[in-house]
Amino acid sequence: MKGETFGACMIVKNEESCLGKCLESIKGLDEIVILDTGSSDKTGDVARAHGAKFIEGAYKWEDHFAKARNEALKHTSADWILIIDADETLSTSGVETIREAIEKADENILIFKLDCVSAGGGVKHTIVRVHRRKPEIFWSGAAHNYLSVQDGPTLPVTITYGWSDAHKLDPDRTLRILTKFVEENPDKPREIYYLAKEHFQRGEWRKALDLYERYILIGQFPQELADAHLMISKCAVAVGETDRAWLAAFMALQVNAELSEAFMTLAALSGPNNRATWLRHAKISTDEKALFVREIQGLEPPEEKGAEYYRKVFSAFPDMSRYSYIYECVAKLCYGKVLDMGCGKGELLKHLPFQCEYKGFDFADVAKGECYEVGDIYNYPLEGYDTYVCLEVLEHVDDLRVLKRIPFASKVIFSVPSFPDPAHIRTYTIDSMVQRFGEFFSEMKIHRFNWDADNRKWVFNDIETEQYILLVEAKKK
């Protein structure tokens, strides 16, 4: 309705690194209220510099997001509230588009939904992000909290979410909150679902599988149910239970027949004839009412670069020291006869223990010496090795074709990147990597290396960065 005011209500803690960008994206609001839950940095200075009402010292954090958000609402006066976090930004003209919708809204419209997308563009979901300020509209849920009203129209406005540096200070906060909540409230399906998601993101497949199975016995929200079945399928793939993965993917489609990701899962579990059929279904699926729409790479290999391209790359960027710690870790996992498939400059050989017998396969003719051979990676004889190492390989070639050729029961160590590069024909997340490679491996152990921008190298730590490399230790099945 015309004349109604429009503001934002936020909770923050130690967000000086990203808060300014967020507040810049929501300029033009009538009011911005920020409740601080215990910052020790300059978050308050950033908030005040952007004209926000910054409330500090009035609330003690209780490991419960809904309580904090409800407390913040007490300090707001605007008729309509935008929900946004410090590590998020509103799309250009978003404030104006929402304000126009508010002016046209009748009294029966209580909320508006917006599309939320990850900064990398790999995940999209649609949720309530604008609501009237009314006593009957409040927050519930210790983590992954939600409003008491969920039905309303969706506006053509996007919120892009990233990864706040503040997460580094307490990386297990959400896991801790949800674990405690589920222990105390074992019959709350939503929290069980999101606790399973936390374990999935950590590669703890069995824990995630048990929780998702527990969820589907009591869950009633169709979007979550479909996604839970889909995630059960992915967990089952990761632990080598193919039949269980098949059944769960079909159950996801039984709840929502428009899930392209479920069809992609079935394609990954199928042989070449049926795979093409499932892919056709995936391409025409609308993903209507999907809880999350994840970007899943296609199964057909894109066009590859030639050997000459990689010779030029290594010639222009000869320093491989940024990968040194990854090579050290890989060397500790190797045993017996080692085949390094795509050896680059032969860096792995520098770190291997003396008892390993090394052979490097170089399809770009960069490494020199008697330990290396050059040729066609799709036809090179792979039999007779104990450990197969694929570093800087699967993002450049037909990864599925290469992995199919590795002998049964062999130990395989491979890496995949999350970040785009002119030489990469695909990138991966944990989710898409498990989806794509789960049919080939059992006993998958995943290690994440994050980018240390200050020292320009890949490191293994708890400070998760937007760019990362996944190192996987697995057994070929």
Protein backbone atom coordinates (compact mmCIF):
# COMPACT_ATOMS: atom_id res chain seq x y z
CA MET A 1 0.00 0.00 0.00
CA LYS A 2 1.17 3.51 -0.74
CA GLY A 3 2.80 5.41 2.08
CA GLU A 4 4.14 2.32 3.85
CA THR A 5 7.80 2.40 4.85
CA PHE A 6 10.43 -0.13 3.82
CA GLY A 7 13.46 -1.07 5.91
CA ALA A 8 15.96 -3.83 6.61
CA CYS A 9 16.57 -5.79 9.80
CA MET A 10 19.87 -7.62 10.30
CA ILE A 11 21.90 -9.51 12.90
CA VAL A 12 25.69 -9.37 12.65
CA LYS A 13 28.93 -10.33 14.36
CA ASN A 14 32.44 -9.38 13.16
CA GLU A 15 31.34 -8.52 9.62
CA GLU A 16 33.50 -5.48 8.84
CA SER A 17 34.99 -7.18 5.74
CA CYS A 18 31.68 -7.58 3.87
CA LEU A 19 29.03 -5.43 5.58
CA GLY A 20 29.83 -2.30 3.57
CA LYS A 21 29.18 -4.02 0.24
CA CYS A 22 25.88 -5.35 1.56
CA LEU A 23 24.69 -1.97 2.84
CA GLU A 24 25.74 -0.28 -0.38
CA SER A 25 23.42 -2.64 -2.28
CA ILE A 26 20.39 -1.63 -0.18
CA LYS A 27 20.77 2.15 -0.31
CA GLY A 28 17.46 3.96 -0.42
CA LEU A 29 15.70 2.10 2.37
CA ASP A 30 13.80 4.13 4.95
CA GLU A 31 15.50 2.35 7.83
CA ILE A 32 18.31 -0.17 8.43
CA VAL A 33 18.41 -1.78 11.87
CA ILE A 34 21.43 -3.92 12.78
CA LEU A 35 21.53 -5.90 16.00
CA ASP A 36 25.09 -6.81 16.98
CA THR A 37 25.58 -10.16 18.71
CA GLY A 38 29.10 -9.59 20.02
CA SER A 39 31.46 -8.04 17.47
CA SER A 40 35.07 -7.31 18.38
CA ASP A 41 36.05 -5.64 15.08
CA LYS A 42 34.92 -2.45 13.33
CA THR A 43 31.50 -3.73 12.26
CA GLY A 44 29.80 -0.90 14.14
CA ASP A 45 31.87 1.77 12.39
CA VAL A 46 30.96 0.34 8.98
CA ALA A 47 27.27 0.18 9.90
CA ARG A 48 27.11 3.76 11.16
CA ALA A 49 29.05 5.04 8.15
CA HIS A 50 26.21 3.74 5.97
CA GLY A 51 23.50 5.35 8.12
CA ALA A 52 22.36 2.20 9.89
CA LYS A 53 20.93 2.09 13.39
CA PHE A 54 23.53 -0.09 15.12
CA ILE A 55 22.46 -1.74 18.39
CA GLU A 56 25.28 -3.18 20.48
CA GLY A 57 25.47 -4.57 23.99
CA ALA A 58 21.72 -5.13 24.16
CA TYR A 59 21.67 -8.82 23.31
CA LYS A 60 23.75 -11.81 24.42
CA TRP A 61 24.16 -14.51 21.79
CA GLU A 62 22.50 -17.80 22.80
CA ASP A 63 23.39 -20.05 19.83
CA HIS A 64 19.88 -19.52 18.50
CA PHE A 65 19.31 -17.48 15.33
CA ALA A 66 15.53 -17.13 15.67
CA LYS A 67 15.85 -15.57 19.13
CA ALA A 68 18.36 -13.04 17.81
CA ARG A 69 16.24 -12.14 14.78
CA ASN A 70 13.10 -11.74 16.87
CA GLU A 71 15.03 -9.46 19.22
CA ALA A 72 16.19 -7.37 16.24
CA LEU A 73 12.59 -7.01 15.07
CA LYS A 74 11.71 -5.32 18.35
CA HIS A 75 13.93 -2.39 17.35
CA THR A 76 12.43 -1.83 13.91
CA SER A 77 9.67 0.61 12.97
CA ALA A 78 9.31 0.12 9.18
CA ASP A 79 6.07 -1.37 7.83
CA TRP A 80 7.93 -3.81 5.58
CA ILE A 81 11.20 -5.58 6.39
CA LEU A 82 13.94 -6.83 4.05
CA ILE A 83 15.83 -9.87 5.37
CA ILE A 84 19.47 -9.79 4.33
CA ASP A 85 22.76 -10.96 5.85
CA ALA A 86 26.08 -9.15 5.90
CA ASP A 87 27.67 -11.47 3.32
CA GLU A 88 24.81 -10.95 0.85
CA THR A 89 24.01 -8.28 -1.72
CA LEU A 90 20.73 -7.21 -3.33
CA SER A 91 20.58 -7.03 -7.12
CA THR A 92 20.69 -3.69 -8.90
CA SER A 93 17.38 -1.80 -8.66
CA GLY A 94 16.21 -4.38 -6.10
CA VAL A 95 15.11 -1.76 -3.57
CA GLU A 96 13.03 0.05 -6.19
CA THR A 97 11.42 -3.16 -7.49
CA ILE A 98 10.44 -4.28 -3.99
CA ARG A 99 9.15 -0.83 -3.08
CA GLU A 100 6.91 -0.81 -6.18
CA ALA A 101 5.51 -4.23 -5.18
CA ILE A 102 4.84 -2.97 -1.65
CA GLU A 103 2.88 0.01 -2.99
CA LYS A 104 0.69 -2.30 -5.07
CA ALA A 105 0.22 -4.96 -2.37
CA ASP A 106 -3.18 -5.31 -0.74
CA GLU A 107 -3.62 -6.17 2.93
CA ASN A 108 -3.74 -9.92 2.21
CA ILE A 109 -0.15 -10.02 1.00
CA LEU A 110 2.13 -10.52 3.98
CA ILE A 111 5.41 -11.64 2.41
CA PHE A 112 7.42 -11.61 -0.81
CA LYS A 113 9.88 -14.27 -1.91
CA LEU A 114 13.18 -13.55 -3.68
CA ASP A 115 15.62 -15.76 -5.56
CA CYS A 116 18.84 -16.42 -3.67
CA VAL A 117 21.89 -17.57 -5.63
CA SER A 118 25.39 -18.54 -4.53
CA ALA A 119 28.21 -16.21 -5.53
CA GLY A 120 29.59 -18.91 -7.83
CA GLY A 121 26.17 -19.36 -9.45
CA GLY A 122 26.04 -23.07 -8.64
CA VAL A 123 22.98 -23.11 -6.34
CA LYS A 124 19.64 -21.28 -6.43
CA HIS A 125 16.65 -21.34 -4.11
CA THR A 126 13.59 -19.14 -3.58
CA ILE A 127 12.61 -18.11 -0.04
CA VAL A 128 10.84 -15.40 1.96
CA ARG A 129 13.02 -12.28 2.15
CA VAL A 130 10.48 -9.45 2.58
CA HIS A 131 7.64 -9.37 5.12
CA ARG A 132 5.21 -7.06 6.84
CA ARG A 133 6.05 -6.08 10.40
CA LYS A 134 3.23 -7.74 12.31
CA PRO A 135 3.11 -9.60 15.66
CA GLU A 136 1.96 -12.80 13.96
CA ILE A 137 5.07 -12.81 11.73
CA PHE A 138 8.06 -14.05 13.71
CA TRP A 139 11.10 -16.30 13.48
CA SER A 140 11.46 -19.96 14.51
CA GLY A 141 14.40 -22.35 14.34
CA ALA A 142 17.75 -22.32 16.10
CA ALA A 143 19.59 -22.46 12.76
CA HIS A 144 18.36 -22.19 9.17
CA ASN A 145 15.55 -20.24 10.80
CA TYR A 146 12.26 -19.49 9.06
CA LEU A 147 9.32 -17.10 9.29
CA SER A 148 5.88 -18.07 10.56
CA VAL A 149 4.34 -17.06 7.20
CA GLN A 150 5.58 -18.67 3.98
CA ASP A 151 2.92 -18.13 1.31
CA GLY A 152 3.28 -15.20 -1.04
CA PRO A 153 4.39 -14.03 -4.50
CA THR A 154 7.95 -14.12 -5.85
CA LEU A 155 9.53 -10.89 -7.12
CA PRO A 156 12.12 -10.60 -9.93
CA VAL A 157 14.85 -9.63 -7.48
CA THR A 158 17.96 -11.61 -6.59
CA ILE A 159 20.05 -11.82 -3.44
CA THR A 160 23.58 -13.13 -4.00
CA TYR A 161 25.15 -14.81 -1.00
CA GLY A 162 28.83 -15.42 -0.37
CA TRP A 163 31.02 -16.62 2.48
CA SER A 164 31.70 -14.28 5.37
CA ASP A 165 35.17 -14.13 6.92
CA ALA A 166 33.37 -14.34 10.28
CA HIS A 167 32.70 -18.04 9.62
CA LYS A 168 36.42 -18.64 10.09
CA LEU A 169 36.08 -17.70 13.77
CA ASP A 170 33.46 -20.38 14.44
CA PRO A 171 33.29 -22.74 11.42
CA ASP A 172 31.26 -25.41 13.23
CA ARG A 173 28.66 -23.05 14.69
CA THR A 174 25.70 -24.30 12.62
CA LEU A 175 26.69 -27.94 13.12
CA ARG A 176 26.95 -27.37 16.89
CA ILE A 177 23.60 -25.58 17.10
CA LEU A 178 21.73 -28.17 15.05
CA THR A 179 23.32 -31.15 16.81
CA LYS A 180 22.25 -29.81 20.21
CA PHE A 181 18.78 -28.88 18.97
CA VAL A 182 18.13 -32.30 17.41
CA GLU A 183 19.34 -34.06 20.55
CA GLU A 184 16.84 -32.06 22.58
CA ASN A 185 14.07 -32.14 19.92
CA PRO A 186 14.37 -35.49 18.10
CA ASP A 187 10.99 -35.12 16.36
CA LYS A 188 11.69 -31.83 14.53
CA PRO A 189 12.09 -32.79 10.85
CA ARG A 190 13.38 -29.50 9.47
CA GLU A 191 16.36 -29.37 11.84
CA ILE A 192 17.15 -33.05 11.13
CA TYR A 193 17.18 -32.27 7.40
CA TYR A 194 19.63 -29.37 7.81
CA LEU A 195 21.82 -31.31 10.23
CA ALA A 196 22.10 -34.00 7.55
CA LYS A 197 23.09 -31.27 5.09
CA GLU A 198 25.89 -30.13 7.42
CA HIS A 199 27.34 -33.64 7.55
CA PHE A 200 26.98 -34.05 3.78
CA GLN A 201 28.96 -30.86 3.17
CA ARG A 202 31.74 -32.31 5.35
CA GLY A 203 31.82 -35.54 3.37
CA GLU A 204 30.49 -37.53 6.33
CA TRP A 205 28.31 -39.71 4.15
CA ARG A 206 27.14 -42.29 6.70
CA LYS A 207 26.08 -39.68 9.24
CA ALA A 208 24.29 -37.70 6.55
CA LEU A 209 22.65 -40.85 5.18
CA ASP A 210 21.31 -41.87 8.59
CA LEU A 211 19.89 -38.41 9.24
CA TYR A 212 18.26 -38.08 5.81
CA GLU A 213 16.69 -41.52 6.28
CA ARG A 214 15.45 -40.41 9.67
CA TYR A 215 14.05 -37.23 8.13
CA ILE A 216 11.96 -38.91 5.41
CA LEU A 217 10.10 -40.93 8.06
CA ILE A 218 8.64 -37.76 9.60
CA GLY A 219 9.09 -34.99 7.00
CA GLN A 220 5.96 -33.54 5.40
CA PHE A 221 7.25 -30.58 3.35
CA PRO A 222 7.33 -31.84 -0.29
CA GLN A 223 10.29 -29.71 -1.39
CA GLU A 224 12.44 -30.95 1.49
CA LEU A 225 11.26 -34.54 1.04
CA ALA A 226 12.23 -34.60 -2.63
CA ASP A 227 15.62 -33.10 -1.84
CA ALA A 228 16.19 -35.51 1.05
CA HIS A 229 15.58 -38.50 -1.25
CA LEU A 230 17.98 -36.96 -3.77
CA MET A 231 20.65 -36.46 -1.11
CA ILE A 232 20.19 -40.05 0.09
CA SER A 233 20.97 -41.10 -3.48
CA LYS A 234 24.17 -39.05 -3.49
CA CYS A 235 25.27 -40.38 -0.11
CA ALA A 236 24.57 -43.93 -1.26
CA VAL A 237 26.71 -43.33 -4.36
CA ALA A 238 29.53 -42.06 -2.15
CA VAL A 239 29.51 -45.20 0.04
CA GLY A 240 29.17 -47.56 -2.91
CA GLU A 241 25.52 -48.60 -2.44
CA THR A 242 24.36 -48.29 -6.03
CA ASP A 243 21.00 -50.05 -5.64
CA ARG A 244 20.10 -47.77 -2.77
CA ALA A 245 21.14 -44.76 -4.87
CA TRP A 246 18.87 -45.88 -7.73
CA LEU A 247 15.85 -46.29 -5.47
CA ALA A 248 16.36 -42.95 -3.72
CA ALA A 249 16.65 -41.07 -7.03
CA PHE A 250 13.36 -42.61 -8.19
CA MET A 251 11.73 -41.69 -4.86
CA ALA A 252 12.82 -38.08 -5.39
CA LEU A 253 11.08 -38.10 -8.77
CA GLN A 254 7.99 -39.65 -7.22
CA VAL A 255 7.71 -36.56 -4.99
CA ASN A 256 8.66 -34.10 -7.74
CA ALA A 257 8.92 -35.34 -11.34
CA GLU A 258 10.49 -32.05 -12.48
CA LEU A 259 13.84 -32.50 -10.67
CA SER A 260 16.53 -32.31 -13.34
CA GLU A 261 19.16 -33.26 -10.76
CA ALA A 262 17.42 -36.57 -10.05
CA PHE A 263 17.48 -37.42 -13.75
CA MET A 264 21.16 -36.43 -13.87
CA THR A 265 21.80 -38.79 -10.96
CA LEU A 266 20.13 -41.63 -12.82
CA ALA A 267 22.20 -40.75 -15.89
CA ALA A 268 25.39 -40.97 -13.85
CA LEU A 269 24.33 -44.41 -12.58
CA SER A 270 23.48 -45.73 -16.04
CA GLY A 271 25.30 -47.23 -18.98
CA PRO A 272 25.76 -45.26 -22.23
CA ASN A 273 22.39 -46.21 -23.77
CA ASN A 274 20.14 -45.35 -20.83
CA ARG A 275 22.35 -42.41 -19.85
CA ALA A 276 21.35 -40.55 -23.01
CA THR A 277 17.67 -41.10 -22.21
CA TRP A 278 17.95 -39.80 -18.66
CA LEU A 279 19.86 -36.77 -19.93
CA ARG A 280 17.03 -35.95 -22.33
CA HIS A 281 14.60 -36.01 -19.40
CA ALA A 282 16.95 -33.77 -17.40
CA LYS A 283 17.10 -31.19 -20.17
CA ILE A 284 13.32 -30.76 -20.36
CA SER A 285 12.72 -30.72 -16.60
CA THR A 286 11.61 -27.37 -15.21
CA ASP A 287 12.82 -27.75 -11.58
CA GLU A 288 9.50 -26.24 -10.52
CA LYS A 289 9.12 -26.39 -6.72
CA ALA A 290 12.67 -27.69 -6.26
CA LEU A 291 14.04 -26.66 -2.87
CA PHE A 292 17.50 -26.07 -4.33
CA VAL A 293 18.39 -25.84 -8.01
CA ARG A 294 22.02 -26.88 -8.24
CA GLU A 295 24.10 -26.41 -11.33
CA ILE A 296 25.15 -29.89 -12.42
CA GLN A 297 27.71 -30.26 -15.17
CA GLY A 298 26.62 -32.24 -18.22
CA LEU A 299 28.01 -35.70 -18.85
CA GLU A 300 29.20 -35.05 -22.39
CA PRO A 301 32.86 -33.93 -22.50
CA PRO A 302 33.42 -30.35 -23.73
CA GLU A 303 36.12 -29.64 -26.27
CA GLU A 304 39.60 -30.34 -24.90
CA LYS A 305 42.77 -28.30 -25.26
CA GLY A 306 45.67 -29.77 -27.20
CA ALA A 307 49.13 -30.66 -25.93
CA GLU A 308 50.59 -27.51 -27.46
CA TYR A 309 48.28 -25.38 -25.30
CA TYR A 310 49.65 -26.94 -22.10
CA ARG A 311 53.25 -26.58 -23.25
CA LYS A 312 52.63 -22.84 -23.54
CA VAL A 313 50.88 -22.72 -20.14
CA PHE A 314 53.79 -24.40 -18.36
CA SER A 315 56.24 -22.25 -20.27
CA ALA A 316 54.47 -19.04 -19.20
CA PHE A 317 53.85 -20.20 -15.58
CA PRO A 318 56.70 -22.57 -14.66
CA ASP A 319 56.47 -22.09 -10.88
CA MET A 320 54.53 -25.01 -9.34
CA SER A 321 55.35 -24.17 -5.72
CA ARG A 322 51.76 -23.10 -5.02
CA TYR A 323 50.81 -26.81 -5.20
CA SER A 324 53.72 -28.04 -3.07
CA TYR A 325 51.70 -28.90 0.04
CA ILE A 326 49.14 -30.82 -2.03
CA TYR A 327 51.96 -32.86 -3.58
CA GLU A 328 53.39 -33.55 -0.12
CA CYS A 329 50.02 -34.84 1.07
CA VAL A 330 49.52 -36.96 -2.04
CA ALA A 331 52.98 -38.52 -1.68
CA LYS A 332 52.08 -39.75 1.81
CA LEU A 333 49.03 -41.55 0.40
CA CYS A 334 50.90 -43.38 -2.36
CA TYR A 335 52.30 -46.89 -2.14
CA GLY A 336 53.92 -49.48 -4.42
CA LYS A 337 54.03 -48.79 -8.15
CA VAL A 338 52.68 -45.29 -8.80
CA LEU A 339 51.32 -44.01 -12.12
CA ASP A 340 51.12 -40.22 -12.19
CA MET A 341 48.55 -39.53 -14.94
CA GLY A 342 49.22 -36.00 -16.13
CA CYS A 343 52.43 -35.37 -14.24
CA GLY A 344 52.87 -31.74 -15.29
CA LYS A 345 56.51 -31.02 -14.49
CA GLY A 346 56.96 -34.19 -12.47
CA GLU A 347 56.44 -32.45 -9.11
CA LEU A 348 55.10 -35.56 -7.36
CA LEU A 349 58.37 -37.44 -7.90
CA LYS A 350 60.16 -34.88 -5.70
CA HIS A 351 58.04 -35.86 -2.70
CA LEU A 352 57.47 -39.62 -3.05
CA PRO A 353 59.12 -41.96 -0.50
CA PHE A 354 62.06 -43.89 -1.96
CA GLN A 355 60.25 -47.23 -1.80
CA CYS A 356 57.66 -46.14 -4.39
CA GLU A 357 58.29 -47.03 -8.03
CA TYR A 358 57.25 -44.00 -10.09
CA LYS A 359 56.07 -43.60 -13.67
CA GLY A 360 54.72 -40.28 -14.96
CA PHE A 361 52.41 -39.96 -17.94
CA ASP A 362 52.74 -36.57 -19.64
CA PHE A 363 50.33 -35.75 -22.45
CA ALA A 364 51.86 -32.28 -22.92
CA ASP A 365 55.54 -33.34 -23.14
CA VAL A 366 56.57 -30.93 -20.36
CA ALA A 367 58.35 -33.32 -17.99
CA LYS A 368 61.61 -34.79 -19.26
CA GLY A 369 63.53 -37.93 -18.33
CA GLU A 370 63.33 -41.69 -18.20
CA CYS A 371 60.54 -41.70 -15.60
CA TYR A 372 58.09 -40.08 -18.01
CA GLU A 373 56.20 -41.19 -21.07
CA VAL A 374 54.23 -39.08 -23.54
CA GLY A 375 51.15 -40.11 -25.47
CA ASP A 376 47.38 -40.53 -25.65
CA ILE A 377 45.93 -40.70 -22.14
CA TYR A 378 42.91 -42.64 -23.44
CA ASN A 379 45.01 -45.47 -24.86
CA TYR A 380 48.06 -45.59 -22.62
CA PRO A 381 48.26 -49.01 -20.85
CA LEU A 382 47.12 -48.58 -17.25
CA GLU A 383 47.46 -52.11 -15.89
CA GLY A 384 50.07 -53.12 -13.33
CA TYR A 385 50.13 -50.19 -10.89
CA ASP A 386 49.12 -49.99 -7.23
CA THR A 387 48.36 -46.27 -7.01
CA TYR A 388 46.91 -44.04 -9.73
CA VAL A 389 47.32 -40.28 -9.27
CA CYS A 390 45.23 -37.81 -11.31
CA LEU A 391 46.29 -34.28 -10.37
CA GLU A 392 45.57 -31.49 -12.85
CA VAL A 393 43.89 -34.04 -15.11
CA LEU A 394 40.14 -34.46 -14.72
CA GLU A 395 39.36 -30.78 -15.27
CA HIS A 396 41.14 -30.88 -18.64
CA VAL A 397 40.01 -34.12 -20.31
CA ASP A 398 37.04 -36.49 -20.66
CA ASP A 399 37.19 -37.41 -16.99
CA LEU A 400 34.67 -40.26 -17.16
CA ARG A 401 36.51 -41.90 -20.04
CA VAL A 402 39.79 -41.76 -18.13
CA LEU A 403 38.39 -43.11 -14.87
CA LYS A 404 36.65 -46.03 -16.56
CA ARG A 405 40.04 -47.34 -17.67
CA ILE A 406 41.61 -47.56 -14.21
CA PRO A 407 41.68 -51.21 -13.05
CA PHE A 408 39.22 -52.55 -10.48
CA ALA A 409 40.16 -52.28 -6.76
CA SER A 410 43.06 -49.90 -7.47
CA LYS A 411 43.85 -47.01 -5.15
CA VAL A 412 43.13 -43.70 -6.88
CA ILE A 413 44.12 -40.24 -5.71
CA PHE A 414 42.68 -37.37 -7.72
CA SER A 415 42.06 -33.66 -7.43
CA VAL A 416 39.38 -31.40 -8.88
CA PRO A 417 39.16 -27.59 -8.79
CA SER A 418 36.22 -25.37 -7.86
CA PHE A 419 37.37 -22.37 -9.86
CA PRO A 420 37.12 -21.56 -13.59
CA ASP A 421 40.27 -21.21 -15.64
CA PRO A 422 40.91 -20.94 -19.39
CA ALA A 423 42.39 -24.45 -19.28
CA HIS A 424 39.50 -26.00 -17.31
CA ILE A 425 36.65 -27.51 -19.29
CA ARG A 426 34.67 -28.08 -16.08
CA THR A 427 34.77 -27.25 -12.37
CA TYR A 428 33.44 -29.15 -9.37
CA THR A 429 31.88 -28.82 -5.96
CA ILE A 430 31.73 -31.67 -3.43
CA ASP A 431 28.15 -32.17 -4.52
CA SER A 432 28.82 -32.32 -8.27
CA MET A 433 32.01 -34.33 -7.79
CA VAL A 434 30.18 -37.04 -5.82
CA GLN A 435 27.38 -36.97 -8.37
CA ARG A 436 29.78 -37.37 -11.26
CA PHE A 437 32.32 -39.85 -9.90
CA GLY A 438 30.38 -41.83 -7.31
CA GLU A 439 29.69 -44.68 -9.72
CA PHE A 440 33.43 -45.28 -10.11
CA PHE A 441 34.61 -45.28 -6.51
CA SER A 442 34.02 -46.58 -3.02
CA GLU A 443 35.65 -45.51 0.27
CA MET A 444 35.93 -41.91 -0.89
CA LYS A 445 37.84 -39.63 1.49
CA ILE A 446 37.71 -35.95 0.58
CA HIS A 447 40.22 -33.31 1.65
CA ARG A 448 39.72 -29.62 0.90
CA PHE A 449 42.61 -27.24 0.15
CA ASN A 450 41.85 -23.53 0.36
CA TRP A 451 43.64 -20.67 -1.38
CA ASP A 452 45.97 -18.61 0.81
CA ALA A 453 45.94 -15.33 -1.12
CA ASP A 454 48.58 -13.69 1.08
CA ASN A 455 51.17 -16.38 0.42
CA ARG A 456 49.76 -17.48 -2.95
CA LYS A 457 49.58 -21.18 -2.28
CA TRP A 458 47.09 -23.97 -1.54
CA VAL A 459 46.80 -24.89 2.13
CA PHE A 460 44.89 -27.38 4.26
CA ASN A 461 43.08 -25.54 7.05
CA ASP A 462 39.64 -24.67 8.44
CA ILE A 463 39.48 -21.27 6.75
CA GLU A 464 37.25 -22.02 3.80
CA THR A 465 37.78 -19.81 0.76
CA GLU A 466 35.63 -19.33 -2.33
CA GLN A 467 38.31 -20.99 -4.44
CA TYR A 468 39.36 -24.47 -3.39
CA ILE A 469 40.74 -27.79 -4.62
CA LEU A 470 39.21 -31.10 -3.55
CA LEU A 471 41.69 -33.96 -3.11
CA VAL A 472 40.05 -37.37 -3.07
CA GLU A 473 41.47 -40.70 -1.92
CA ALA A 474 39.30 -43.58 -3.17
CA LYS A 475 39.11 -47.18 -4.32
CA LYS A 476 38.05 -48.02 -7.88
CA LYS A 477 35.00 -50.27 -8.04
